[in-house]
Amino acid sequence: MTINLTLLIVMGAMLAIGIYLMLERSLTRVLLGIILISNGVNLLILQTAGRAGESPIVRDGLGAEEYLDPLPQALLLTAIVIAFAMVAILLALIYRSWVIARQDEVTDDEEDRRVATTIGAHDPEEDDDVGTETSEFIDSVDPVTGSVRAVNPAERNREASEEPTSSSDAHQAGES
């Protein structure tokens, strides 16, 4: 049996990127991760089929090693159908989430937090609220000029830790 190294590398990259995308909180990224993982698994099943051979119809004069194994082909077709069904269901969930909440982010459930606190499984450091966007690679828009400017991670962390003052506090400070 010969192994195509290029297909193995592509399969590994698809699986790695797919797993990374599935760990995100955005349903769209989860969908892309599922698609990449299913295609990576399809390549894996294709590799298990081995080399091309004769169709699996018994003929005189052909040895068993000359036939192509039909099992990987059947598994591949089954994997394609299962992946299509998963993508269809996730697309319906994304659409429904967008129609109801105008977002595709998965948020924490308050009831789950309450139960975790009750049974002592809540860890404040581990289970703290996460902002809507935590990436340090996002540029910010300068409010004065309207241009996009790069923000280094230290500056972003400092801005996130500062609490904005409310307008009533600023108004009271101006009166005194």
C-alpha atoms as a PDB file:
ATOM      1  CA  MET A   1       0.000   0.000   0.000  1.00  0.00           C
ATOM      2  CA  THR A   2       1.402   3.398  -0.971  1.00  0.00           C
ATOM      3  CA  ILE A   3       0.756   6.494   1.092  1.00  0.00           C
ATOM      4  CA  ASN A   4       0.448   9.928  -0.465  1.00  0.00           C
ATOM      5  CA  LEU A   5       2.350  12.261   1.863  1.00  0.00           C
ATOM      6  CA  THR A   6       0.743  15.391   0.409  1.00  0.00           C
ATOM      7  CA  LEU A   7      -2.761  14.155   1.208  1.00  0.00           C
ATOM      8  CA  LEU A   8      -1.661  13.269   4.743  1.00  0.00           C
ATOM      9  CA  ILE A   9      -0.245  16.754   5.324  1.00  0.00           C
ATOM     10  CA  VAL A  10      -3.383  18.394   3.911  1.00  0.00           C
ATOM     11  CA  MET A  11      -5.543  16.094   6.049  1.00  0.00           C
ATOM     12  CA  GLY A  12      -3.562  16.965   9.197  1.00  0.00           C
ATOM     13  CA  ALA A  13      -3.811  20.688   8.478  1.00  0.00           C
ATOM     14  CA  MET A  14      -7.563  20.427   7.875  1.00  0.00           C
ATOM     15  CA  LEU A  15      -8.098  18.539  11.115  1.00  0.00           C
ATOM     16  CA  ALA A  16      -5.923  20.947  13.133  1.00  0.00           C
ATOM     17  CA  ILE A  17      -7.563  24.083  11.733  1.00  0.00           C
ATOM     18  CA  GLY A  18     -11.019  22.504  12.093  1.00  0.00           C
ATOM     19  CA  ILE A  19     -10.445  21.675  15.760  1.00  0.00           C
ATOM     20  CA  TYR A  20      -9.147  25.194  16.386  1.00  0.00           C
ATOM     21  CA  LEU A  21     -12.229  26.723  14.750  1.00  0.00           C
ATOM     22  CA  MET A  22     -14.586  24.482  16.721  1.00  0.00           C
ATOM     23  CA  LEU A  23     -13.175  25.876  19.977  1.00  0.00           C
ATOM     24  CA  GLU A  24     -14.431  29.373  19.125  1.00  0.00           C
ATOM     25  CA  ARG A  25     -17.683  30.822  20.491  1.00  0.00           C
ATOM     26  CA  SER A  26     -18.953  31.922  17.087  1.00  0.00           C
ATOM     27  CA  LEU A  27     -21.330  29.444  15.450  1.00  0.00           C
ATOM     28  CA  THR A  28     -20.085  30.427  11.990  1.00  0.00           C
ATOM     29  CA  ARG A  29     -16.541  29.440  12.939  1.00  0.00           C
ATOM     30  CA  VAL A  30     -17.847  26.200  14.440  1.00  0.00           C
ATOM     31  CA  LEU A  31     -19.582  25.506  11.113  1.00  0.00           C
ATOM     32  CA  LEU A  32     -16.351  26.087   9.192  1.00  0.00           C
ATOM     33  CA  GLY A  33     -14.535  23.840  11.675  1.00  0.00           C
ATOM     34  CA  ILE A  34     -17.044  21.027  11.150  1.00  0.00           C
ATOM     35  CA  ILE A  35     -16.688  21.345   7.384  1.00  0.00           C
ATOM     36  CA  LEU A  36     -12.882  21.198   7.591  1.00  0.00           C
ATOM     37  CA  ILE A  37     -12.907  18.251   9.990  1.00  0.00           C
ATOM     38  CA  SER A  38     -15.352  16.298   7.830  1.00  0.00           C
ATOM     39  CA  ASN A  39     -13.243  16.908   4.722  1.00  0.00           C
ATOM     40  CA  GLY A  40     -10.112  15.893   6.634  1.00  0.00           C
ATOM     41  CA  VAL A  41     -11.792  12.659   7.725  1.00  0.00           C
ATOM     42  CA  ASN A  42     -12.876  12.049   4.126  1.00  0.00           C
ATOM     43  CA  LEU A  43      -9.236  12.336   3.052  1.00  0.00           C
ATOM     44  CA  LEU A  44      -8.276   9.902   5.813  1.00  0.00           C
ATOM     45  CA  ILE A  45     -10.841   7.368   4.612  1.00  0.00           C
ATOM     46  CA  LEU A  46      -9.625   7.887   1.042  1.00  0.00           C
ATOM     47  CA  GLN A  47      -6.067   7.095   2.177  1.00  0.00           C
ATOM     48  CA  THR A  48      -7.221   3.861   3.830  1.00  0.00           C
ATOM     49  CA  ALA A  49      -8.556   2.610   0.486  1.00  0.00           C
ATOM     50  CA  GLY A  50      -5.014   2.180  -0.775  1.00  0.00           C
ATOM     51  CA  ARG A  51      -4.101   2.061  -4.435  1.00  0.00           C
ATOM     52  CA  ALA A  52      -6.615   1.879  -7.248  1.00  0.00           C
ATOM     53  CA  GLY A  53      -7.533  -1.604  -8.378  1.00  0.00           C
ATOM     54  CA  GLU A  54     -10.081  -3.630 -10.289  1.00  0.00           C
ATOM     55  CA  SER A  55     -13.762  -3.348  -9.468  1.00  0.00           C
ATOM     56  CA  PRO A  56     -14.815  -5.861  -6.798  1.00  0.00           C
ATOM     57  CA  ILE A  57     -16.569  -8.216  -9.205  1.00  0.00           C
ATOM     58  CA  VAL A  58     -15.230 -11.762  -9.064  1.00  0.00           C
ATOM     59  CA  ARG A  59     -13.475 -12.783 -12.267  1.00  0.00           C
ATOM     60  CA  ASP A  60     -11.361 -15.765 -13.130  1.00  0.00           C
ATOM     61  CA  GLY A  61      -7.638 -15.218 -13.125  1.00  0.00           C
ATOM     62  CA  LEU A  62      -7.549 -12.252 -10.677  1.00  0.00           C
ATOM     63  CA  GLY A  63      -6.022 -12.587  -7.241  1.00  0.00           C
ATOM     64  CA  ALA A  64      -7.541 -11.054  -4.108  1.00  0.00           C
ATOM     65  CA  GLU A  65      -4.843  -8.361  -3.954  1.00  0.00           C
ATOM     66  CA  GLU A  66      -5.826  -7.001  -7.381  1.00  0.00           C
ATOM     67  CA  TYR A  67      -9.334  -5.994  -6.306  1.00  0.00           C
ATOM     68  CA  LEU A  68     -10.257  -2.623  -4.846  1.00  0.00           C
ATOM     69  CA  ASP A  69     -11.760  -2.740  -1.366  1.00  0.00           C
ATOM     70  CA  PRO A  70     -15.314  -1.262  -1.577  1.00  0.00           C
ATOM     71  CA  LEU A  71     -15.625  -0.633   2.188  1.00  0.00           C
ATOM     72  CA  PRO A  72     -13.725   2.716   2.234  1.00  0.00           C
ATOM     73  CA  GLN A  73     -15.883   3.961  -0.653  1.00  0.00           C
ATOM     74  CA  ALA A  74     -19.061   3.080   1.258  1.00  0.00           C
ATOM     75  CA  LEU A  75     -17.682   4.733   4.399  1.00  0.00           C
ATOM     76  CA  LEU A  76     -16.767   7.830   2.389  1.00  0.00           C
ATOM     77  CA  LEU A  77     -20.282   8.170   1.007  1.00  0.00           C
ATOM     78  CA  THR A  78     -21.708   7.721   4.504  1.00  0.00           C
ATOM     79  CA  ALA A  79     -19.330  10.340   5.926  1.00  0.00           C
ATOM     80  CA  ILE A  80     -20.347  12.819   3.214  1.00  0.00           C
ATOM     81  CA  VAL A  81     -24.051  12.349   4.026  1.00  0.00           C
ATOM     82  CA  ILE A  82     -23.469  12.707   7.777  1.00  0.00           C
ATOM     83  CA  ALA A  83     -21.373  15.855   7.274  1.00  0.00           C
ATOM     84  CA  PHE A  84     -24.047  17.350   5.031  1.00  0.00           C
ATOM     85  CA  ALA A  85     -26.706  16.689   7.687  1.00  0.00           C
ATOM     86  CA  MET A  86     -24.563  18.278  10.408  1.00  0.00           C
ATOM     87  CA  VAL A  87     -23.898  21.340   8.263  1.00  0.00           C
ATOM     88  CA  ALA A  88     -27.614  21.691   7.478  1.00  0.00           C
ATOM     89  CA  ILE A  89     -28.560  21.526  11.165  1.00  0.00           C
ATOM     90  CA  LEU A  90     -25.870  24.000  12.166  1.00  0.00           C
ATOM     91  CA  LEU A  91     -26.910  26.387   9.384  1.00  0.00           C
ATOM     92  CA  ALA A  92     -30.468  26.258  10.754  1.00  0.00           C
ATOM     93  CA  LEU A  93     -29.159  27.003  14.266  1.00  0.00           C
ATOM     94  CA  ILE A  94     -27.070  29.921  13.001  1.00  0.00           C
ATOM     95  CA  TYR A  95     -30.019  31.346  11.088  1.00  0.00           C
ATOM     96  CA  ARG A  96     -32.326  31.000  14.097  1.00  0.00           C
ATOM     97  CA  SER A  97     -29.754  32.576  16.411  1.00  0.00           C
ATOM     98  CA  TRP A  98     -29.344  35.484  14.010  1.00  0.00           C
ATOM     99  CA  VAL A  99     -33.095  36.028  13.630  1.00  0.00           C
ATOM    100  CA  ILE A 100     -33.711  35.993  17.397  1.00  0.00           C
ATOM    101  CA  ALA A 101     -30.634  37.713  18.838  1.00  0.00           C
ATOM    102  CA  ARG A 102     -28.817  39.265  15.844  1.00  0.00           C
ATOM    103  CA  GLN A 103     -25.634  37.433  16.864  1.00  0.00           C
ATOM    104  CA  ASP A 104     -24.073  34.047  16.342  1.00  0.00           C
ATOM    105  CA  GLU A 105     -22.029  34.012  19.544  1.00  0.00           C
ATOM    106  CA  VAL A 106     -22.739  31.305  22.093  1.00  0.00           C
ATOM    107  CA  THR A 107     -23.250  32.923  25.495  1.00  0.00           C
ATOM    108  CA  ASP A 108     -23.014  31.399  28.942  1.00  0.00           C
ATOM    109  CA  ASP A 109     -26.223  30.164  30.516  1.00  0.00           C
ATOM    110  CA  GLU A 110     -27.110  31.903  33.788  1.00  0.00           C
ATOM    111  CA  GLU A 111     -28.821  28.791  35.173  1.00  0.00           C
ATOM    112  CA  ASP A 112     -25.652  26.755  34.593  1.00  0.00           C
ATOM    113  CA  ARG A 113     -23.652  29.345  36.506  1.00  0.00           C
ATOM    114  CA  ARG A 114     -26.150  29.294  39.392  1.00  0.00           C
ATOM    115  CA  VAL A 115     -26.029  25.497  39.645  1.00  0.00           C
ATOM    116  CA  ALA A 116     -22.219  25.488  39.458  1.00  0.00           C
ATOM    117  CA  THR A 117     -22.053  28.035  42.278  1.00  0.00           C
ATOM    118  CA  THR A 118     -24.504  26.002  44.372  1.00  0.00           C
ATOM    119  CA  ILE A 119     -22.551  22.739  44.132  1.00  0.00           C
ATOM    120  CA  GLY A 120     -19.181  24.450  44.551  1.00  0.00           C
ATOM    121  CA  ALA A 121     -17.937  23.837  41.003  1.00  0.00           C
ATOM    122  CA  HIS A 122     -17.718  27.556  40.187  1.00  0.00           C
ATOM    123  CA  ASP A 123     -14.166  28.858  39.921  1.00  0.00           C
ATOM    124  CA  PRO A 124     -14.198  32.681  39.686  1.00  0.00           C
ATOM    125  CA  GLU A 125     -10.897  32.832  37.822  1.00  0.00           C
ATOM    126  CA  GLU A 126     -11.824  30.099  35.357  1.00  0.00           C
ATOM    127  CA  ASP A 127     -15.506  31.001  34.880  1.00  0.00           C
ATOM    128  CA  ASP A 128     -15.256  34.782  34.680  1.00  0.00           C
ATOM    129  CA  ASP A 129     -17.226  36.658  32.019  1.00  0.00           C
ATOM    130  CA  VAL A 130     -15.475  37.040  28.684  1.00  0.00           C
ATOM    131  CA  GLY A 131     -16.037  40.187  26.658  1.00  0.00           C
ATOM    132  CA  THR A 132     -17.563  39.936  23.226  1.00  0.00           C
ATOM    133  CA  GLU A 133     -14.190  40.246  21.506  1.00  0.00           C
ATOM    134  CA  THR A 134     -11.005  39.245  23.267  1.00  0.00           C
ATOM    135  CA  SER A 135      -8.626  39.165  20.342  1.00  0.00           C
ATOM    136  CA  GLU A 136      -5.526  41.255  20.755  1.00  0.00           C
ATOM    137  CA  PHE A 137      -5.113  41.558  16.997  1.00  0.00           C
ATOM    138  CA  ILE A 138      -8.090  43.811  16.327  1.00  0.00           C
ATOM    139  CA  ASP A 139      -7.347  47.364  15.354  1.00  0.00           C
ATOM    140  CA  SER A 140      -9.425  50.182  16.756  1.00  0.00           C
ATOM    141  CA  VAL A 141     -11.005  53.122  15.007  1.00  0.00           C
ATOM    142  CA  ASP A 142      -9.729  56.513  16.098  1.00  0.00           C
ATOM    143  CA  PRO A 143     -12.835  58.539  17.069  1.00  0.00           C
ATOM    144  CA  VAL A 144     -11.239  61.859  16.093  1.00  0.00           C
ATOM    145  CA  THR A 145     -10.074  61.050  12.575  1.00  0.00           C
ATOM    146  CA  GLY A 146     -12.153  57.941  11.827  1.00  0.00           C
ATOM    147  CA  SER A 147      -9.076  56.094  10.618  1.00  0.00           C
ATOM    148  CA  VAL A 148      -8.122  52.585  11.677  1.00  0.00           C
ATOM    149  CA  ARG A 149      -5.076  52.473  13.898  1.00  0.00           C
ATOM    150  CA  ALA A 150      -3.118  49.543  15.253  1.00  0.00           C
ATOM    151  CA  VAL A 151      -3.327  49.026  18.998  1.00  0.00           C
ATOM    152  CA  ASN A 152      -0.654  47.110  20.845  1.00  0.00           C
ATOM    153  CA  PRO A 153      -1.859  44.499  23.367  1.00  0.00           C
ATOM    154  CA  ALA A 154      -0.574  46.396  26.426  1.00  0.00           C
ATOM    155  CA  GLU A 155      -2.610  49.471  25.494  1.00  0.00           C
ATOM    156  CA  ARG A 156      -5.709  47.331  24.840  1.00  0.00           C
ATOM    157  CA  ASN A 157      -5.388  45.645  28.254  1.00  0.00           C
ATOM    158  CA  ARG A 158      -5.004  49.021  29.973  1.00  0.00           C
ATOM    159  CA  GLU A 159      -8.124  50.368  28.227  1.00  0.00           C
ATOM    160  CA  ALA A 160     -10.115  47.272  29.169  1.00  0.00           C
ATOM    161  CA  SER A 161      -9.153  47.544  32.847  1.00  0.00           C
ATOM    162  CA  GLU A 162     -10.199  51.206  33.140  1.00  0.00           C
ATOM    163  CA  GLU A 163     -13.855  51.613  34.088  1.00  0.00           C
ATOM    164  CA  PRO A 164     -15.739  54.227  32.100  1.00  0.00           C
ATOM    165  CA  THR A 165     -17.377  56.958  34.174  1.00  0.00           C
ATOM    166  CA  SER A 166     -21.085  57.448  33.764  1.00  0.00           C
ATOM    167  CA  SER A 167     -22.470  60.733  32.500  1.00  0.00           C
ATOM    168  CA  SER A 168     -24.214  61.401  35.837  1.00  0.00           C
ATOM    169  CA  ASP A 169     -20.870  61.138  37.705  1.00  0.00           C
ATOM    170  CA  ALA A 170     -19.254  63.580  35.283  1.00  0.00           C
ATOM    171  CA  HIS A 171     -22.245  65.944  35.597  1.00  0.00           C
ATOM    172  CA  GLN A 172     -22.082  65.851  39.411  1.00  0.00           C
ATOM    173  CA  ALA A 173     -18.346  66.519  39.362  1.00  0.00           C
ATOM    174  CA  GLY A 174     -18.961  69.594  37.179  1.00  0.00           C
ATOM    175  CA  GLU A 175     -21.576  70.973  39.593  1.00  0.00           C
ATOM    176  CA  SER A 176     -19.369  70.850  42.700  1.00  0.00           C
END
